[in-house]
Amino acid sequence: MAFDPHVPEIAGVIQLAIAPVFMLTAVGTVIGATIGADRAAGLLAIVGVVNLPIIHYSVYWWNTLHQGSTLTKLGKPSMTGDMLWPLLTMLLAFTLYFGAILLLRLRGEILLRERDASWLKTELAR
């Protein structure tokens, strides 16, 4: 069914209502290093956390728009093993990679913010 702007379906309306929240979240990721950037990013993170259950349950409320669950928490997955294991392997690899990059960026941000601190100068002098 093609999208008709004159006959809005409720799911389309919900998706259009959620789109600005995604835009604000994206804007929050590109905020420069200004005085209130950490507070703005925190606020946008809270908005994103509130938005996640809305997105999750919209899949169940309007199930004609989305595929059913492929990986379930309690049941047997409907995906075959030759596709499931590579998916789980890459999911683990991506999670570990994300964690490593996050820790590296966090360390760099702490060093940047504390560049004039005495403890850092003491550690670098060793």
PDB file of N, CA and C in Angstrom:
ATOM      1  N   MET A   1       0.841  -1.175   0.000  1.00  0.00           N
ATOM      2  CA  MET A   1       0.000   0.000   0.000  1.00  0.00           C
ATOM      3  C   MET A   1       0.890   1.244   0.000  1.00  0.00           C
ATOM      4  N   ALA A   2       0.681   2.119  -0.922  1.00  0.00           N
ATOM      5  CA  ALA A   2       1.473   3.338  -1.030  1.00  0.00           C
ATOM      6  C   ALA A   2       1.023   4.356   0.004  1.00  0.00           C
ATOM      7  N   PHE A   3       1.925   5.228   0.362  1.00  0.00           N
ATOM      8  CA  PHE A   3       1.617   6.277   1.328  1.00  0.00           C
ATOM      9  C   PHE A   3       0.775   7.357   0.653  1.00  0.00           C
ATOM     10  N   ASP A   4      -0.375   7.616   1.209  1.00  0.00           N
ATOM     11  CA  ASP A   4      -1.260   8.649   0.697  1.00  0.00           C
ATOM     12  C   ASP A   4      -1.344   9.755   1.741  1.00  0.00           C
ATOM     13  N   PRO A   5      -0.833  10.952   1.451  1.00  0.00           N
ATOM     14  CA  PRO A   5      -0.822  12.012   2.459  1.00  0.00           C
ATOM     15  C   PRO A   5      -2.209  12.497   2.846  1.00  0.00           C
ATOM     16  N   HIS A   6      -3.215  12.176   2.053  1.00  0.00           N
ATOM     17  CA  HIS A   6      -4.563  12.642   2.363  1.00  0.00           C
ATOM     18  C   HIS A   6      -5.308  11.692   3.301  1.00  0.00           C
ATOM     19  N   VAL A   7      -4.840  10.440   3.392  1.00  0.00           N
ATOM     20  CA  VAL A   7      -5.482   9.466   4.262  1.00  0.00           C
ATOM     21  C   VAL A   7      -4.421   8.947   5.233  1.00  0.00           C
ATOM     22  N   PRO A   8      -4.161   9.673   6.317  1.00  0.00           N
ATOM     23  CA  PRO A   8      -3.090   9.236   7.215  1.00  0.00           C
ATOM     24  C   PRO A   8      -3.511   8.037   8.055  1.00  0.00           C
ATOM     25  N   GLU A   9      -2.682   7.008   8.049  1.00  0.00           N
ATOM     26  CA  GLU A   9      -2.890   5.884   8.938  1.00  0.00           C
ATOM     27  C   GLU A   9      -2.279   6.249  10.281  1.00  0.00           C
ATOM     28  N   ILE A  10      -2.771   5.655  11.326  1.00  0.00           N
ATOM     29  CA  ILE A  10      -2.295   6.018  12.661  1.00  0.00           C
ATOM     30  C   ILE A  10      -0.812   5.693  12.832  1.00  0.00           C
ATOM     31  N   ALA A  11      -0.342   4.584  12.243  1.00  0.00           N
ATOM     32  CA  ALA A  11       1.070   4.241  12.361  1.00  0.00           C
ATOM     33  C   ALA A  11       1.933   5.269  11.651  1.00  0.00           C
ATOM     34  N   GLY A  12       1.483   5.725  10.501  1.00  0.00           N
ATOM     35  CA  GLY A  12       2.237   6.753   9.794  1.00  0.00           C
ATOM     36  C   GLY A  12       2.282   8.054  10.573  1.00  0.00           C
ATOM     37  N   VAL A  13       1.189   8.378  11.226  1.00  0.00           N
ATOM     38  CA  VAL A  13       1.143   9.588  12.040  1.00  0.00           C
ATOM     39  C   VAL A  13       2.109   9.465  13.214  1.00  0.00           C
ATOM     40  N   ILE A  14       2.135   8.287  13.841  1.00  0.00           N
ATOM     41  CA  ILE A  14       3.050   8.061  14.960  1.00  0.00           C
ATOM     42  C   ILE A  14       4.496   8.160  14.487  1.00  0.00           C
ATOM     43  N   GLN A  15       4.794   7.553  13.350  1.00  0.00           N
ATOM     44  CA  GLN A  15       6.161   7.611  12.842  1.00  0.00           C
ATOM     45  C   GLN A  15       6.552   9.044  12.497  1.00  0.00           C
ATOM     46  N   LEU A  16       5.624   9.811  11.950  1.00  0.00           N
ATOM     47  CA  LEU A  16       5.929  11.210  11.661  1.00  0.00           C
ATOM     48  C   LEU A  16       6.089  12.023  12.939  1.00  0.00           C
ATOM     49  N   ALA A  17       5.399  11.634  13.994  1.00  0.00           N
ATOM     50  CA  ALA A  17       5.538  12.341  15.258  1.00  0.00           C
ATOM     51  C   ALA A  17       6.861  12.005  15.941  1.00  0.00           C
ATOM     52  N   ILE A  18       7.355  10.796  15.732  1.00  0.00           N
ATOM     53  CA  ILE A  18       8.600  10.370  16.364  1.00  0.00           C
ATOM     54  C   ILE A  18       9.818  10.884  15.588  1.00  0.00           C
ATOM     55  N   ALA A  19       9.669  11.171  14.320  1.00  0.00           N
ATOM     56  CA  ALA A  19      10.793  11.618  13.489  1.00  0.00           C
ATOM     57  C   ALA A  19      11.499  12.852  14.044  1.00  0.00           C
ATOM     58  N   PRO A  20      10.791  13.879  14.542  1.00  0.00           N
ATOM     59  CA  PRO A  20      11.522  15.018  15.113  1.00  0.00           C
ATOM     60  C   PRO A  20      12.355  14.655  16.336  1.00  0.00           C
ATOM     61  N   VAL A  21      11.913  13.662  17.091  1.00  0.00           N
ATOM     62  CA  VAL A  21      12.708  13.234  18.250  1.00  0.00           C
ATOM     63  C   VAL A  21      14.009  12.613  17.768  1.00  0.00           C
ATOM     64  N   PHE A  22      13.941  11.810  16.707  1.00  0.00           N
ATOM     65  CA  PHE A  22      15.163  11.261  16.137  1.00  0.00           C
ATOM     66  C   PHE A  22      16.067  12.373  15.613  1.00  0.00           C
ATOM     67  N   MET A  23      15.474  13.381  14.997  1.00  0.00           N
ATOM     68  CA  MET A  23      16.267  14.489  14.494  1.00  0.00           C
ATOM     69  C   MET A  23      16.972  15.208  15.645  1.00  0.00           C
ATOM     70  N   LEU A  24      16.254  15.431  16.738  1.00  0.00           N
ATOM     71  CA  LEU A  24      16.870  16.083  17.890  1.00  0.00           C
ATOM     72  C   LEU A  24      17.980  15.227  18.484  1.00  0.00           C
ATOM     73  N   THR A  25      17.790  13.921  18.480  1.00  0.00           N
ATOM     74  CA  THR A  25      18.830  13.033  18.969  1.00  0.00           C
ATOM     75  C   THR A  25      20.064  13.131  18.077  1.00  0.00           C
ATOM     76  N   ALA A  26      19.860  13.181  16.779  1.00  0.00           N
ATOM     77  CA  ALA A  26      20.987  13.322  15.860  1.00  0.00           C
ATOM     78  C   ALA A  26      21.681  14.661  16.045  1.00  0.00           C
ATOM     79  N   VAL A  27      20.918  15.714  16.263  1.00  0.00           N
ATOM     80  CA  VAL A  27      21.508  17.030  16.503  1.00  0.00           C
ATOM     81  C   VAL A  27      22.321  17.003  17.794  1.00  0.00           C
ATOM     82  N   GLY A  28      21.854  16.266  18.784  1.00  0.00           N
ATOM     83  CA  GLY A  28      22.571  16.171  20.049  1.00  0.00           C
ATOM     84  C   GLY A  28      23.929  15.516  19.913  1.00  0.00           C
ATOM     85  N   THR A  29      24.070  14.638  18.925  1.00  0.00           N
ATOM     86  CA  THR A  29      25.357  13.974  18.746  1.00  0.00           C
ATOM     87  C   THR A  29      26.390  14.871  18.083  1.00  0.00           C
ATOM     88  N   VAL A  30      25.944  15.912  17.399  1.00  0.00           N
ATOM     89  CA  VAL A  30      26.886  16.791  16.719  1.00  0.00           C
ATOM     90  C   VAL A  30      27.075  18.131  17.424  1.00  0.00           C
ATOM     91  N   ILE A  31      26.557  18.232  18.633  1.00  0.00           N
ATOM     92  CA  ILE A  31      26.745  19.475  19.384  1.00  0.00           C
ATOM     93  C   ILE A  31      28.233  19.648  19.669  1.00  0.00           C
ATOM     94  N   GLY A  32      28.738  20.821  19.411  1.00  0.00           N
ATOM     95  CA  GLY A  32      30.152  21.101  19.633  1.00  0.00           C
ATOM     96  C   GLY A  32      30.485  21.186  21.105  1.00  0.00           C
ATOM     97  N   ALA A  33      31.759  21.392  21.388  1.00  0.00           N
ATOM     98  CA  ALA A  33      32.232  21.472  22.769  1.00  0.00           C
ATOM     99  C   ALA A  33      31.936  22.868  23.326  1.00  0.00           C
ATOM    100  N   THR A  34      30.696  23.078  23.715  1.00  0.00           N
ATOM    101  CA  THR A  34      30.317  24.350  24.314  1.00  0.00           C
ATOM    102  C   THR A  34      30.043  24.135  25.787  1.00  0.00           C
ATOM    103  N   ILE A  35      29.703  25.183  26.473  1.00  0.00           N
ATOM    104  CA  ILE A  35      29.511  25.118  27.924  1.00  0.00           C
ATOM    105  C   ILE A  35      28.405  24.129  28.291  1.00  0.00           C
ATOM    106  N   GLY A  36      27.268  24.181  27.628  1.00  0.00           N
ATOM    107  CA  GLY A  36      26.142  23.337  28.002  1.00  0.00           C
ATOM    108  C   GLY A  36      25.974  22.101  27.152  1.00  0.00           C
ATOM    109  N   ALA A  37      26.994  21.697  26.420  1.00  0.00           N
ATOM    110  CA  ALA A  37      26.858  20.552  25.522  1.00  0.00           C
ATOM    111  C   ALA A  37      26.596  19.269  26.287  1.00  0.00           C
ATOM    112  N   ASP A  38      27.226  19.095  27.445  1.00  0.00           N
ATOM    113  CA  ASP A  38      27.003  17.864  28.190  1.00  0.00           C
ATOM    114  C   ASP A  38      25.586  17.802  28.749  1.00  0.00           C
ATOM    115  N   ARG A  39      25.046  18.939  29.167  1.00  0.00           N
ATOM    116  CA  ARG A  39      23.664  18.951  29.658  1.00  0.00           C
ATOM    117  C   ARG A  39      22.670  18.720  28.516  1.00  0.00           C
ATOM    118  N   ALA A  40      22.947  19.325  27.368  1.00  0.00           N
ATOM    119  CA  ALA A  40      22.056  19.136  26.221  1.00  0.00           C
ATOM    120  C   ALA A  40      22.091  17.691  25.749  1.00  0.00           C
ATOM    121  N   ALA A  41      23.267  17.104  25.720  1.00  0.00           N
ATOM    122  CA  ALA A  41      23.374  15.706  25.320  1.00  0.00           C
ATOM    123  C   ALA A  41      22.675  14.808  26.330  1.00  0.00           C
ATOM    124  N   GLY A  42      22.762  15.130  27.603  1.00  0.00           N
ATOM    125  CA  GLY A  42      22.063  14.357  28.625  1.00  0.00           C
ATOM    126  C   GLY A  42      20.554  14.442  28.468  1.00  0.00           C
ATOM    127  N   LEU A  43      20.066  15.639  28.187  1.00  0.00           N
ATOM    128  CA  LEU A  43      18.629  15.816  27.974  1.00  0.00           C
ATOM    129  C   LEU A  43      18.151  15.029  26.758  1.00  0.00           C
ATOM    130  N   LEU A  44      18.918  15.081  25.685  1.00  0.00           N
ATOM    131  CA  LEU A  44      18.542  14.334  24.487  1.00  0.00           C
ATOM    132  C   LEU A  44      18.625  12.825  24.713  1.00  0.00           C
ATOM    133  N   ALA A  45      19.558  12.396  25.566  1.00  0.00           N
ATOM    134  CA  ALA A  45      19.626  10.973  25.897  1.00  0.00           C
ATOM    135  C   ALA A  45      18.379  10.538  26.662  1.00  0.00           C
ATOM    136  N   ILE A  46      17.906  11.390  27.572  1.00  0.00           N
ATOM    137  CA  ILE A  46      16.683  11.070  28.315  1.00  0.00           C
ATOM    138  C   ILE A  46      15.492  10.998  27.363  1.00  0.00           C
ATOM    139  N   VAL A  47      15.413  11.928  26.432  1.00  0.00           N
ATOM    140  CA  VAL A  47      14.329  11.904  25.442  1.00  0.00           C
ATOM    141  C   VAL A  47      14.406  10.630  24.604  1.00  0.00           C
ATOM    142  N   GLY A  48      15.610  10.233  24.240  1.00  0.00           N
ATOM    143  CA  GLY A  48      15.782   9.005  23.475  1.00  0.00           C
ATOM    144  C   GLY A  48      15.374   7.777  24.250  1.00  0.00           C
ATOM    145  N   VAL A  49      15.671   7.746  25.552  1.00  0.00           N
ATOM    146  CA  VAL A  49      15.282   6.610  26.388  1.00  0.00           C
ATOM    147  C   VAL A  49      13.767   6.534  26.513  1.00  0.00           C
ATOM    148  N   VAL A  50      13.113   7.673  26.610  1.00  0.00           N
ATOM    149  CA  VAL A  50      11.649   7.686  26.671  1.00  0.00           C
ATOM    150  C   VAL A  50      11.069   7.240  25.326  1.00  0.00           C
ATOM    151  N   ASN A  51      11.748   7.558  24.246  1.00  0.00           N
ATOM    152  CA  ASN A  51      11.264   7.235  22.913  1.00  0.00           C
ATOM    153  C   ASN A  51      11.387   5.745  22.578  1.00  0.00           C
ATOM    154  N   LEU A  52      12.338   5.046  23.184  1.00  0.00           N
ATOM    155  CA  LEU A  52      12.556   3.635  22.856  1.00  0.00           C
ATOM    156  C   LEU A  52      11.343   2.744  23.122  1.00  0.00           C
ATOM    157  N   PRO A  53      10.678   2.826  24.281  1.00  0.00           N
ATOM    158  CA  PRO A  53       9.495   1.974  24.462  1.00  0.00           C
ATOM    159  C   PRO A  53       8.366   2.293  23.483  1.00  0.00           C
ATOM    160  N   ILE A  54       8.248   3.548  23.111  1.00  0.00           N
ATOM    161  CA  ILE A  54       7.220   3.916  22.136  1.00  0.00           C
ATOM    162  C   ILE A  54       7.482   3.212  20.812  1.00  0.00           C
ATOM    163  N   ILE A  55       8.721   3.223  20.381  1.00  0.00           N
ATOM    164  CA  ILE A  55       9.072   2.563  19.133  1.00  0.00           C
ATOM    165  C   ILE A  55       8.881   1.056  19.260  1.00  0.00           C
ATOM    166  N   HIS A  56       9.315   0.501  20.373  1.00  0.00           N
ATOM    167  CA  HIS A  56       9.215  -0.955  20.571  1.00  0.00           C
ATOM    168  C   HIS A  56       7.763  -1.408  20.544  1.00  0.00           C
ATOM    169  N   TYR A  57       6.918  -0.759  21.301  1.00  0.00           N
ATOM    170  CA  TYR A  57       5.529  -1.212  21.372  1.00  0.00           C
ATOM    171  C   TYR A  57       4.718  -0.841  20.133  1.00  0.00           C
ATOM    172  N   SER A  58       5.173   0.138  19.362  1.00  0.00           N
ATOM    173  CA  SER A  58       4.454   0.444  18.127  1.00  0.00           C
ATOM    174  C   SER A  58       4.526  -0.720  17.148  1.00  0.00           C
ATOM    175  N   VAL A  59       5.598  -1.512  17.232  1.00  0.00           N
ATOM    176  CA  VAL A  59       5.710  -2.707  16.392  1.00  0.00           C
ATOM    177  C   VAL A  59       4.620  -3.708  16.749  1.00  0.00           C
ATOM    178  N   TYR A  60       4.314  -3.843  18.028  1.00  0.00           N
ATOM    179  CA  TYR A  60       3.270  -4.779  18.454  1.00  0.00           C
ATOM    180  C   TYR A  60       1.872  -4.213  18.235  1.00  0.00           C
ATOM    181  N   TRP A  61       1.706  -2.922  18.421  1.00  0.00           N
ATOM    182  CA  TRP A  61       0.393  -2.302  18.258  1.00  0.00           C
ATOM    183  C   TRP A  61      -0.066  -2.342  16.805  1.00  0.00           C
ATOM    184  N   TRP A  62       0.877  -2.080  15.898  1.00  0.00           N
ATOM    185  CA  TRP A  62       0.543  -2.061  14.473  1.00  0.00           C
ATOM    186  C   TRP A  62       1.383  -3.127  13.784  1.00  0.00           C
ATOM    187  N   ASN A  63       1.077  -4.388  14.054  1.00  0.00           N
ATOM    188  CA  ASN A  63       1.911  -5.485  13.584  1.00  0.00           C
ATOM    189  C   ASN A  63       1.809  -5.736  12.091  1.00  0.00           C
ATOM    190  N   THR A  64       0.934  -5.070  11.388  1.00  0.00           N
ATOM    191  CA  THR A  64       0.860  -5.277   9.943  1.00  0.00           C
ATOM    192  C   THR A  64       1.991  -4.561   9.221  1.00  0.00           C
ATOM    193  N   LEU A  65       2.668  -3.655   9.896  1.00  0.00           N
ATOM    194  CA  LEU A  65       3.742  -2.898   9.252  1.00  0.00           C
ATOM    195  C   LEU A  65       5.110  -3.556   9.377  1.00  0.00           C
ATOM    196  N   HIS A  66       5.264  -4.459  10.345  1.00  0.00           N
ATOM    197  CA  HIS A  66       6.579  -4.989  10.656  1.00  0.00           C
ATOM    198  C   HIS A  66       6.568  -6.512  10.673  1.00  0.00           C
ATOM    199  N   GLN A  67       7.739  -7.064  10.426  1.00  0.00           N
ATOM    200  CA  GLN A  67       7.928  -8.503  10.520  1.00  0.00           C
ATOM    201  C   GLN A  67       7.847  -8.921  11.986  1.00  0.00           C
ATOM    202  N   GLY A  68       7.387 -10.125  12.233  1.00  0.00           N
ATOM    203  CA  GLY A  68       7.341 -10.640  13.600  1.00  0.00           C
ATOM    204  C   GLY A  68       8.735 -10.903  14.133  1.00  0.00           C
ATOM    205  N   SER A  69       8.807 -11.293  15.395  1.00  0.00           N
ATOM    206  CA  SER A  69      10.094 -11.544  16.038  1.00  0.00           C
ATOM    207  C   SER A  69      10.813 -12.711  15.381  1.00  0.00           C
ATOM    208  N   THR A  70      12.078 -12.509  15.094  1.00  0.00           N
ATOM    209  CA  THR A  70      12.907 -13.575  14.555  1.00  0.00           C
ATOM    210  C   THR A  70      13.701 -14.214  15.681  1.00  0.00           C
ATOM    211  N   LEU A  71      14.199 -13.401  16.576  1.00  0.00           N
ATOM    212  CA  LEU A  71      14.902 -13.875  17.767  1.00  0.00           C
ATOM    213  C   LEU A  71      14.029 -13.550  18.969  1.00  0.00           C
ATOM    214  N   THR A  72      13.654 -14.569  19.700  1.00  0.00           N
ATOM    215  CA  THR A  72      12.817 -14.341  20.874  1.00  0.00           C
ATOM    216  C   THR A  72      13.610 -14.663  22.129  1.00  0.00           C
ATOM    217  N   LYS A  73      13.190 -14.080  23.233  1.00  0.00           N
ATOM    218  CA  LYS A  73      13.904 -14.301  24.482  1.00  0.00           C
ATOM    219  C   LYS A  73      13.624 -15.687  25.060  1.00  0.00           C
ATOM    220  N   LEU A  74      12.395 -16.143  24.987  1.00  0.00           N
ATOM    221  CA  LEU A  74      12.028 -17.385  25.655  1.00  0.00           C
ATOM    222  C   LEU A  74      11.799 -18.558  24.711  1.00  0.00           C
ATOM    223  N   GLY A  75      11.539 -18.284  23.464  1.00  0.00           N
ATOM    224  CA  GLY A  75      11.220 -19.360  22.528  1.00  0.00           C
ATOM    225  C   GLY A  75      12.383 -19.692  21.617  1.00  0.00           C
ATOM    226  N   LYS A  76      12.158 -20.685  20.778  1.00  0.00           N
ATOM    227  CA  LYS A  76      13.157 -21.077  19.793  1.00  0.00           C
ATOM    228  C   LYS A  76      13.152 -20.065  18.660  1.00  0.00           C
ATOM    229  N   PRO A  77      14.339 -19.617  18.209  1.00  0.00           N
ATOM    230  CA  PRO A  77      14.370 -18.653  17.111  1.00  0.00           C
ATOM    231  C   PRO A  77      13.841 -19.270  15.815  1.00  0.00           C
ATOM    232  N   SER A  78      13.183 -18.450  15.022  1.00  0.00           N
ATOM    233  CA  SER A  78      12.661 -18.936  13.753  1.00  0.00           C
ATOM    234  C   SER A  78      13.716 -18.876  12.649  1.00  0.00           C
ATOM    235  N   MET A  79      14.920 -18.457  12.977  1.00  0.00           N
ATOM    236  CA  MET A  79      16.014 -18.363  12.020  1.00  0.00           C
ATOM    237  C   MET A  79      16.819 -19.668  12.059  1.00  0.00           C
ATOM    238  N   THR A  80      17.278 -20.115  10.900  1.00  0.00           N
ATOM    239  CA  THR A  80      18.070 -21.346  10.853  1.00  0.00           C
ATOM    240  C   THR A  80      19.454 -21.112  11.452  1.00  0.00           C
ATOM    241  N   GLY A  81      20.079 -22.204  11.865  1.00  0.00           N
ATOM    242  CA  GLY A  81      21.376 -22.120  12.540  1.00  0.00           C
ATOM    243  C   GLY A  81      22.484 -21.539  11.682  1.00  0.00           C
ATOM    244  N   ASP A  82      22.450 -21.803  10.364  1.00  0.00           N
ATOM    245  CA  ASP A  82      23.502 -21.270   9.507  1.00  0.00           C
ATOM    246  C   ASP A  82      23.424 -19.761   9.352  1.00  0.00           C
ATOM    247  N   MET A  83      22.319 -19.163   9.731  1.00  0.00           N
ATOM    248  CA  MET A  83      22.213 -17.694   9.748  1.00  0.00           C
ATOM    249  C   MET A  83      22.277 -17.148  11.173  1.00  0.00           C
ATOM    250  N   LEU A  84      21.837 -17.949  12.136  1.00  0.00           N
ATOM    251  CA  LEU A  84      21.772 -17.487  13.518  1.00  0.00           C
ATOM    252  C   LEU A  84      23.157 -17.311  14.136  1.00  0.00           C
ATOM    253  N   TRP A  85      24.038 -18.297  13.960  1.00  0.00           N
ATOM    254  CA  TRP A  85      25.353 -18.216  14.593  1.00  0.00           C
ATOM    255  C   TRP A  85      26.208 -17.074  14.055  1.00  0.00           C
ATOM    256  N   PRO A  86      26.270 -16.840  12.752  1.00  0.00           N
ATOM    257  CA  PRO A  86      27.010 -15.650  12.299  1.00  0.00           C
ATOM    258  C   PRO A  86      26.409 -14.344  12.829  1.00  0.00           C
ATOM    259  N   LEU A  87      25.075 -14.300  12.926  1.00  0.00           N
ATOM    260  CA  LEU A  87      24.437 -13.104  13.472  1.00  0.00           C
ATOM    261  C   LEU A  87      24.847 -12.877  14.918  1.00  0.00           C
ATOM    262  N   LEU A  88      24.797 -13.925  15.729  1.00  0.00           N
ATOM    263  CA  LEU A  88      25.170 -13.786  17.137  1.00  0.00           C
ATOM    264  C   LEU A  88      26.653 -13.497  17.306  1.00  0.00           C
ATOM    265  N   THR A  89      27.491 -14.108  16.451  1.00  0.00           N
ATOM    266  CA  THR A  89      28.933 -13.836  16.507  1.00  0.00           C
ATOM    267  C   THR A  89      29.227 -12.376  16.191  1.00  0.00           C
ATOM    268  N   MET A  90      28.605 -11.866  15.148  1.00  0.00           N
ATOM    269  CA  MET A  90      28.847 -10.462  14.777  1.00  0.00           C
ATOM    270  C   MET A  90      28.219  -9.501  15.778  1.00  0.00           C
ATOM    271  N   LEU A  91      27.118  -9.899  16.397  1.00  0.00           N
ATOM    272  CA  LEU A  91      26.528  -9.077  17.445  1.00  0.00           C
ATOM    273  C   LEU A  91      27.487  -8.957  18.623  1.00  0.00           C
ATOM    274  N   LEU A  92      28.093 -10.065  19.021  1.00  0.00           N
ATOM    275  CA  LEU A  92      29.081 -10.029  20.098  1.00  0.00           C
ATOM    276  C   LEU A  92      30.308  -9.217  19.688  1.00  0.00           C
ATOM    277  N   ALA A  93      30.794  -9.421  18.459  1.00  0.00           N
ATOM    278  CA  ALA A  93      31.973  -8.683  17.983  1.00  0.00           C
ATOM    279  C   ALA A  93      31.695  -7.187  17.941  1.00  0.00           C
ATOM    280  N   PHE A  94      30.538  -6.795  17.451  1.00  0.00           N
ATOM    281  CA  PHE A  94      30.208  -5.378  17.386  1.00  0.00           C
ATOM    282  C   PHE A  94      30.079  -4.785  18.782  1.00  0.00           C
ATOM    283  N   THR A  95      29.486  -5.533  19.707  1.00  0.00           N
ATOM    284  CA  THR A  95      29.343  -5.043  21.071  1.00  0.00           C
ATOM    285  C   THR A  95      30.709  -4.833  21.717  1.00  0.00           C
ATOM    286  N   LEU A  96      31.616  -5.766  21.536  1.00  0.00           N
ATOM    287  CA  LEU A  96      32.971  -5.613  22.083  1.00  0.00           C
ATOM    288  C   LEU A  96      33.707  -4.455  21.424  1.00  0.00           C
ATOM    289  N   TYR A  97      33.566  -4.321  20.114  1.00  0.00           N
ATOM    290  CA  TYR A  97      34.194  -3.202  19.407  1.00  0.00           C
ATOM    291  C   TYR A  97      33.634  -1.865  19.886  1.00  0.00           C
ATOM    292  N   PHE A  98      32.324  -1.784  20.029  1.00  0.00           N
ATOM    293  CA  PHE A  98      31.701  -0.555  20.518  1.00  0.00           C
ATOM    294  C   PHE A  98      32.202  -0.213  21.915  1.00  0.00           C
ATOM    295  N   GLY A  99      32.289  -1.213  22.789  1.00  0.00           N
ATOM    296  CA  GLY A  99      32.791  -0.977  24.140  1.00  0.00           C
ATOM    297  C   GLY A  99      34.223  -0.475  24.137  1.00  0.00           C
ATOM    298  N   ALA A 100      35.070  -1.065  23.300  1.00  0.00           N
ATOM    299  CA  ALA A 100      36.468  -0.632  23.232  1.00  0.00           C
ATOM    300  C   ALA A 100      36.577   0.804  22.722  1.00  0.00           C
ATOM    301  N   ILE A 101      35.865   1.127  21.664  1.00  0.00           N
ATOM    302  CA  ILE A 101      35.901   2.489  21.125  1.00  0.00           C
ATOM    303  C   ILE A 101      35.315   3.481  22.113  1.00  0.00           C
ATOM    304  N   LEU A 102      34.252   3.097  22.802  1.00  0.00           N
ATOM    305  CA  LEU A 102      33.653   3.975  23.805  1.00  0.00           C
ATOM    306  C   LEU A 102      34.645   4.276  24.920  1.00  0.00           C
ATOM    307  N   LEU A 103      35.358   3.268  25.403  1.00  0.00           N
ATOM    308  CA  LEU A 103      36.335   3.496  26.460  1.00  0.00           C
ATOM    309  C   LEU A 103      37.495   4.362  25.981  1.00  0.00           C
ATOM    310  N   LEU A 104      37.929   4.171  24.744  1.00  0.00           N
ATOM    311  CA  LEU A 104      38.999   5.022  24.204  1.00  0.00           C
ATOM    312  C   LEU A 104      38.552   6.478  24.089  1.00  0.00           C
ATOM    313  N   ARG A 105      37.347   6.693  23.602  1.00  0.00           N
ATOM    314  CA  ARG A 105      36.838   8.064  23.489  1.00  0.00           C
ATOM    315  C   ARG A 105      36.607   8.684  24.856  1.00  0.00           C
ATOM    316  N   LEU A 106      36.147   7.880  25.803  1.00  0.00           N
ATOM    317  CA  LEU A 106      35.938   8.373  27.162  1.00  0.00           C
ATOM    318  C   LEU A 106      37.259   8.785  27.798  1.00  0.00           C
ATOM    319  N   ARG A 107      38.294   7.974  27.605  1.00  0.00           N
ATOM    320  CA  ARG A 107      39.608   8.320  28.135  1.00  0.00           C
ATOM    321  C   ARG A 107      40.122   9.608  27.500  1.00  0.00           C
ATOM    322  N   GLY A 108      39.942   9.743  26.194  1.00  0.00           N
ATOM    323  CA  GLY A 108      40.366  10.969  25.523  1.00  0.00           C
ATOM    324  C   GLY A 108      39.607  12.192  26.014  1.00  0.00           C
ATOM    325  N   GLU A 109      38.307  12.043  26.257  1.00  0.00           N
ATOM    326  CA  GLU A 109      37.503  13.167  26.747  1.00  0.00           C
ATOM    327  C   GLU A 109      37.921  13.559  28.165  1.00  0.00           C
ATOM    328  N   ILE A 110      38.201  12.576  29.001  1.00  0.00           N
ATOM    329  CA  ILE A 110      38.655  12.896  30.364  1.00  0.00           C
ATOM    330  C   ILE A 110      39.990  13.611  30.320  1.00  0.00           C
ATOM    331  N   LEU A 111      40.903  13.135  29.496  1.00  0.00           N
ATOM    332  CA  LEU A 111      42.205  13.805  29.381  1.00  0.00           C
ATOM    333  C   LEU A 111      42.060  15.215  28.824  1.00  0.00           C
ATOM    334  N   LEU A 112      41.141  15.410  27.890  1.00  0.00           N
ATOM    335  CA  LEU A 112      40.921  16.737  27.328  1.00  0.00           C
ATOM    336  C   LEU A 112      40.351  17.690  28.372  1.00  0.00           C
ATOM    337  N   ARG A 113      39.388  17.217  29.143  1.00  0.00           N
ATOM    338  CA  ARG A 113      38.776  18.085  30.153  1.00  0.00           C
ATOM    339  C   ARG A 113      39.704  18.361  31.323  1.00  0.00           C
ATOM    340  N   GLU A 114      40.566  17.425  31.629  1.00  0.00           N
ATOM    341  CA  GLU A 114      41.462  17.565  32.783  1.00  0.00           C
ATOM    342  C   GLU A 114      42.889  17.932  32.370  1.00  0.00           C
ATOM    343  N   ARG A 115      43.081  18.525  31.214  1.00  0.00           N
ATOM    344  CA  ARG A 115      44.433  18.766  30.707  1.00  0.00           C
ATOM    345  C   ARG A 115      45.251  19.716  31.563  1.00  0.00           C
ATOM    346  N   ASP A 116      44.601  20.557  32.351  1.00  0.00           N
ATOM    347  CA  ASP A 116      45.335  21.480  33.214  1.00  0.00           C
ATOM    348  C   ASP A 116      45.381  21.015  34.663  1.00  0.00           C
ATOM    349  N   ALA A 117      44.887  19.843  34.967  1.00  0.00           N
ATOM    350  CA  ALA A 117      44.843  19.356  36.344  1.00  0.00           C
ATOM    351  C   ALA A 117      46.228  18.895  36.792  1.00  0.00           C
ATOM    352  N   SER A 118      46.476  19.043  38.076  1.00  0.00           N
ATOM    353  CA  SER A 118      47.791  18.682  38.615  1.00  0.00           C
ATOM    354  C   SER A 118      48.008  17.166  38.603  1.00  0.00           C
ATOM    355  N   TRP A 119      46.974  16.380  38.814  1.00  0.00           N
ATOM    356  CA  TRP A 119      47.153  14.941  38.837  1.00  0.00           C
ATOM    357  C   TRP A 119      47.596  14.402  37.477  1.00  0.00           C
ATOM    358  N   LEU A 120      47.120  15.044  36.410  1.00  0.00           N
ATOM    359  CA  LEU A 120      47.496  14.619  35.073  1.00  0.00           C
ATOM    360  C   LEU A 120      48.945  14.980  34.791  1.00  0.00           C
ATOM    361  N   LYS A 121      49.370  16.165  35.205  1.00  0.00           N
ATOM    362  CA  LYS A 121      50.759  16.557  35.008  1.00  0.00           C
ATOM    363  C   LYS A 121      51.705  15.644  35.794  1.00  0.00           C
ATOM    364  N   THR A 122      51.269  15.220  36.980  1.00  0.00           N
ATOM    365  CA  THR A 122      52.084  14.297  37.782  1.00  0.00           C
ATOM    366  C   THR A 122      52.201  12.938  37.095  1.00  0.00           C
ATOM    367  N   GLU A 123      51.094  12.446  36.554  1.00  0.00           N
ATOM    368  CA  GLU A 123      51.110  11.159  35.878  1.00  0.00           C
ATOM    369  C   GLU A 123      51.936  11.193  34.592  1.00  0.00           C
ATOM    370  N   LEU A 124      51.871  12.300  33.873  1.00  0.00           N
ATOM    371  CA  LEU A 124      52.636  12.400  32.639  1.00  0.00           C
ATOM    372  C   LEU A 124      54.113  12.610  32.880  1.00  0.00           C
ATOM    373  N   ALA A 125      54.489  13.130  34.050  1.00  0.00           N
ATOM    374  CA  ALA A 125      55.894  13.371  34.374  1.00  0.00           C
ATOM    375  C   ALA A 125      56.603  12.075  34.729  1.00  0.00           C
ATOM    376  N   ARG A 126      55.890  11.015  35.040  1.00  0.00           N
ATOM    377  CA  ARG A 126      56.532   9.741  35.403  1.00  0.00           C
ATOM    378  C   ARG A 126      57.272   9.136  34.267  1.00  0.00           C
TER     379      ARG A 126
END
